[in-house]
């Protein structure tokens, strides 16, 4: 399959399928990293950054856990964990 045909097919694919293709392409590039030119390395970093940005936008699957409501057990200023008798220093 030629690159032109692949690029023309991309818009008709689901986001999930496009991400799978991008991930597969990135894995192939990583396997051949030692032979990359400086420009190819920059392209690889650009693709990785664009993917990471998409992962951290509001409402993305990666951020879903930050929206959970509930008690935050770690930041309770009234609780001194180390002096409560439950912490055993070794």
N, C-alpha and C. Protein backbone atom coordinates (compact mmCIF):
# COMPACT_ATOMS: atom_id res chain seq x y z
N UNK A 1 0.85 -1.18 0.00
CA UNK A 1 0.00 0.00 0.00
C UNK A 1 0.89 1.23 0.00
N UNK A 2 0.55 2.21 -0.82
CA UNK A 2 1.35 3.43 -0.91
C UNK A 2 0.96 4.43 0.17
N UNK A 3 1.88 5.30 0.48
CA UNK A 3 1.65 6.30 1.52
C UNK A 3 0.44 7.16 1.18
N UNK A 4 0.30 7.53 -0.09
CA UNK A 4 -0.82 8.38 -0.50
C UNK A 4 -2.15 7.71 -0.19
N UNK A 5 -2.26 6.40 -0.44
CA UNK A 5 -3.50 5.67 -0.17
C UNK A 5 -3.77 5.59 1.33
N UNK A 6 -2.72 5.41 2.10
CA UNK A 6 -2.87 5.34 3.56
C UNK A 6 -3.36 6.68 4.09
N UNK A 7 -2.74 7.78 3.64
CA UNK A 7 -3.13 9.10 4.10
C UNK A 7 -4.55 9.46 3.69
N UNK A 8 -4.98 9.00 2.53
CA UNK A 8 -6.36 9.26 2.09
C UNK A 8 -7.36 8.45 2.91
N UNK A 9 -6.96 7.28 3.40
CA UNK A 9 -7.87 6.43 4.17
C UNK A 9 -8.00 6.89 5.62
N UNK A 10 -7.03 7.61 6.13
CA UNK A 10 -7.05 8.01 7.54
C UNK A 10 -8.30 8.77 7.97
N UNK A 11 -8.77 9.77 7.22
CA UNK A 11 -9.95 10.52 7.69
C UNK A 11 -11.21 9.65 7.84
N UNK A 12 -11.28 8.56 7.13
CA UNK A 12 -12.48 7.72 7.23
C UNK A 12 -12.41 6.73 8.40
N UNK A 13 -11.27 6.65 9.05
CA UNK A 13 -11.11 5.73 10.18
C UNK A 13 -11.56 6.39 11.48
N UNK A 14 -11.88 5.57 12.45
CA UNK A 14 -12.24 6.10 13.78
C UNK A 14 -10.99 6.65 14.45
N UNK A 15 -11.20 7.47 15.45
CA UNK A 15 -10.07 8.02 16.21
C UNK A 15 -9.25 6.90 16.83
N UNK A 16 -9.95 5.90 17.34
CA UNK A 16 -9.27 4.76 17.95
C UNK A 16 -8.36 4.06 16.95
N UNK A 17 -8.86 3.85 15.75
CA UNK A 17 -8.05 3.19 14.72
C UNK A 17 -6.87 4.06 14.31
N UNK A 18 -7.09 5.38 14.21
CA UNK A 18 -5.98 6.28 13.87
C UNK A 18 -4.91 6.25 14.94
N UNK A 19 -5.33 6.21 16.21
CA UNK A 19 -4.36 6.15 17.30
C UNK A 19 -3.58 4.85 17.28
N UNK A 20 -4.26 3.75 16.94
CA UNK A 20 -3.57 2.46 16.83
C UNK A 20 -2.52 2.51 15.73
N UNK A 21 -2.86 3.13 14.61
CA UNK A 21 -1.91 3.26 13.51
C UNK A 21 -0.73 4.12 13.93
N UNK A 22 -1.02 5.25 14.58
CA UNK A 22 0.05 6.15 15.03
C UNK A 22 0.96 5.44 16.03
N UNK A 23 0.35 4.68 16.95
CA UNK A 23 1.15 3.96 17.93
C UNK A 23 2.02 2.90 17.27
N UNK A 24 1.45 2.18 16.32
CA UNK A 24 2.22 1.16 15.61
C UNK A 24 3.38 1.78 14.84
N UNK A 25 3.10 2.91 14.17
CA UNK A 25 4.14 3.60 13.42
C UNK A 25 5.24 4.09 14.36
N UNK A 26 4.84 4.62 15.52
CA UNK A 26 5.81 5.09 16.49
C UNK A 26 6.67 3.94 17.02
N UNK A 27 6.06 2.79 17.26
CA UNK A 27 6.82 1.63 17.72
C UNK A 27 7.86 1.21 16.69
N UNK A 28 7.48 1.24 15.42
CA UNK A 28 8.43 0.90 14.36
C UNK A 28 9.58 1.90 14.33
N UNK A 29 9.26 3.17 14.50
CA UNK A 29 10.29 4.20 14.51
C UNK A 29 11.21 4.01 15.70
N UNK A 30 10.64 3.70 16.86
CA UNK A 30 11.47 3.49 18.06
C UNK A 30 12.41 2.31 17.89
N UNK A 31 11.96 1.28 17.19
CA UNK A 31 12.81 0.12 16.96
C UNK A 31 14.00 0.48 16.08
N UNK A 32 13.83 1.47 15.23
CA UNK A 32 14.89 1.88 14.32
C UNK A 32 15.49 3.23 14.72
N UNK A 33 15.33 3.60 15.96
CA UNK A 33 15.73 4.93 16.45
C UNK A 33 17.20 5.25 16.17
N UNK A 34 18.05 4.27 16.26
CA UNK A 34 19.48 4.51 16.08
C UNK A 34 19.81 5.02 14.68
N UNK A 35 18.95 4.78 13.72
CA UNK A 35 19.22 5.19 12.34
C UNK A 35 18.47 6.46 11.94
N UNK A 36 17.82 7.13 12.89
CA UNK A 36 17.05 8.34 12.57
C UNK A 36 17.95 9.55 12.36
N UNK A 37 17.57 10.37 11.40
CA UNK A 37 18.26 11.65 11.23
C UNK A 37 17.72 12.63 12.27
N UNK A 38 18.35 13.77 12.41
CA UNK A 38 17.89 14.78 13.36
C UNK A 38 16.47 15.23 13.01
N UNK A 39 16.17 15.41 11.73
CA UNK A 39 14.83 15.83 11.33
C UNK A 39 13.80 14.75 11.66
N UNK A 40 14.15 13.50 11.46
CA UNK A 40 13.23 12.40 11.79
C UNK A 40 13.00 12.32 13.30
N UNK A 41 14.06 12.58 14.08
CA UNK A 41 13.91 12.59 15.54
C UNK A 41 12.98 13.72 15.97
N UNK A 42 13.09 14.89 15.34
CA UNK A 42 12.20 16.01 15.65
C UNK A 42 10.76 15.66 15.30
N UNK A 43 10.56 15.00 14.17
CA UNK A 43 9.21 14.59 13.76
C UNK A 43 8.63 13.61 14.77
N UNK A 44 9.47 12.69 15.23
CA UNK A 44 9.02 11.71 16.22
C UNK A 44 8.61 12.40 17.52
N UNK A 45 9.40 13.34 17.98
CA UNK A 45 9.07 14.07 19.20
C UNK A 45 7.81 14.91 19.03
N UNK A 46 7.64 15.49 17.86
CA UNK A 46 6.43 16.28 17.58
C UNK A 46 5.20 15.39 17.65
N UNK A 47 5.26 14.22 17.04
CA UNK A 47 4.13 13.29 17.08
C UNK A 47 3.83 12.85 18.51
N UNK A 48 4.87 12.56 19.28
CA UNK A 48 4.68 12.15 20.68
C UNK A 48 4.04 13.28 21.48
N UNK A 49 4.48 14.51 21.25
CA UNK A 49 3.91 15.66 21.97
C UNK A 49 2.45 15.87 21.59
N UNK A 50 2.14 15.75 20.32
CA UNK A 50 0.75 15.94 19.89
C UNK A 50 -0.15 14.87 20.50
N UNK A 51 0.35 13.66 20.58
CA UNK A 51 -0.42 12.57 21.18
C UNK A 51 -0.62 12.83 22.67
N UNK A 52 0.43 13.28 23.36
CA UNK A 52 0.33 13.55 24.79
C UNK A 52 -0.63 14.70 25.07
N UNK A 53 -0.60 15.72 24.23
CA UNK A 53 -1.51 16.85 24.43
C UNK A 53 -2.95 16.37 24.35
N UNK A 54 -3.24 15.51 23.38
CA UNK A 54 -4.60 14.98 23.24
C UNK A 54 -5.01 14.17 24.47
N UNK A 55 -4.06 13.51 25.08
CA UNK A 55 -4.35 12.69 26.27
C UNK A 55 -4.72 13.54 27.48
N UNK A 56 -4.27 14.78 27.53
CA UNK A 56 -4.46 15.60 28.71
C UNK A 56 -5.49 16.71 28.56
N UNK A 57 -6.22 16.76 27.43
CA UNK A 57 -7.25 17.78 27.28
C UNK A 57 -8.40 17.48 28.22
N UNK A 58 -9.14 18.50 28.66
CA UNK A 58 -10.28 18.26 29.55
C UNK A 58 -11.27 17.28 28.92
N UNK A 59 -11.70 16.32 29.72
CA UNK A 59 -12.66 15.32 29.26
C UNK A 59 -12.04 14.09 28.63
N UNK A 60 -10.71 14.07 28.50
CA UNK A 60 -10.08 12.89 27.92
C UNK A 60 -10.12 11.73 28.90
N UNK A 61 -9.94 10.53 28.38
CA UNK A 61 -10.00 9.34 29.23
C UNK A 61 -8.93 9.35 30.30
N UNK A 62 -7.78 9.94 30.00
CA UNK A 62 -6.69 9.96 30.97
C UNK A 62 -7.03 10.84 32.17
N UNK A 63 -7.78 11.89 31.96
CA UNK A 63 -8.13 12.82 33.04
C UNK A 63 -9.39 12.43 33.79
N UNK A 64 -10.03 11.37 33.42
CA UNK A 64 -11.32 11.01 34.03
C UNK A 64 -11.20 10.80 35.54
N UNK A 65 -10.07 10.29 36.00
CA UNK A 65 -9.92 10.01 37.43
C UNK A 65 -9.72 11.28 38.26
N UNK A 66 -9.27 12.35 37.65
CA UNK A 66 -9.10 13.59 38.39
C UNK A 66 -10.45 14.26 38.67
N UNK A 67 -11.49 13.82 37.99
CA UNK A 67 -12.81 14.40 38.18
C UNK A 67 -13.65 13.66 39.22
N UNK A 68 -13.12 12.59 39.79
CA UNK A 68 -13.88 11.83 40.77
C UNK A 68 -14.04 12.65 42.04
N UNK A 69 -15.23 12.63 42.58
CA UNK A 69 -15.48 13.35 43.82
C UNK A 69 -15.37 12.37 44.98
N UNK A 70 -14.96 12.87 46.09
CA UNK A 70 -14.83 12.03 47.27
C UNK A 70 -13.84 12.62 48.23
N UNK A 71 -13.63 11.93 49.32
CA UNK A 71 -12.74 12.41 50.35
C UNK A 71 -11.29 12.21 49.92
N UNK A 72 -10.49 13.22 50.11
CA UNK A 72 -9.08 13.15 49.80
C UNK A 72 -8.34 12.75 51.08
N UNK A 73 -7.97 11.51 51.18
CA UNK A 73 -7.36 10.98 52.40
C UNK A 73 -5.92 11.42 52.59
N UNK A 74 -5.27 11.85 51.55
CA UNK A 74 -3.85 12.19 51.64
C UNK A 74 -3.59 13.58 52.19
N UNK A 75 -4.50 14.50 52.00
CA UNK A 75 -4.25 15.89 52.36
C UNK A 75 -5.04 16.35 53.58
N UNK A 76 -5.31 15.46 54.50
CA UNK A 76 -6.07 15.83 55.69
C UNK A 76 -5.12 16.49 56.68
N UNK A 77 -5.23 17.81 56.87
CA UNK A 77 -4.28 18.51 57.73
C UNK A 77 -4.42 18.15 59.21
N UNK A 78 -5.54 17.55 59.60
CA UNK A 78 -5.74 17.20 60.99
C UNK A 78 -5.13 15.84 61.35
N UNK A 79 -4.75 15.09 60.37
CA UNK A 79 -4.25 13.73 60.60
C UNK A 79 -2.73 13.72 60.49
N UNK A 80 -2.07 13.32 61.54
CA UNK A 80 -0.62 13.19 61.51
C UNK A 80 -0.31 11.70 61.39
N UNK A 81 -0.16 11.24 60.16
CA UNK A 81 0.00 9.82 59.86
C UNK A 81 1.19 9.21 60.61
N UNK A 82 2.28 9.94 60.65
CA UNK A 82 3.50 9.37 61.23
C UNK A 82 3.46 9.28 62.75
N UNK A 83 2.57 10.02 63.38
CA UNK A 83 2.47 9.97 64.83
C UNK A 83 1.17 9.29 65.29
N UNK A 84 0.46 8.65 64.40
CA UNK A 84 -0.82 8.08 64.74
C UNK A 84 -0.70 6.66 65.33
N UNK A 85 0.49 6.10 65.25
CA UNK A 85 0.67 4.74 65.77
C UNK A 85 0.50 3.69 64.71
N UNK A 86 0.06 4.07 63.50
CA UNK A 86 -0.12 3.09 62.43
C UNK A 86 1.10 3.00 61.53
N UNK A 87 1.99 3.97 61.62
CA UNK A 87 3.19 3.98 60.79
C UNK A 87 4.32 3.31 61.57
N UNK A 88 4.93 2.31 60.96
CA UNK A 88 6.03 1.59 61.61
C UNK A 88 7.29 1.86 60.78
N UNK A 89 8.24 2.56 61.40
CA UNK A 89 9.48 2.86 60.71
C UNK A 89 10.42 1.67 60.83
N UNK A 90 11.03 1.31 59.75
CA UNK A 90 11.93 0.13 59.73
C UNK A 90 13.36 0.55 59.59
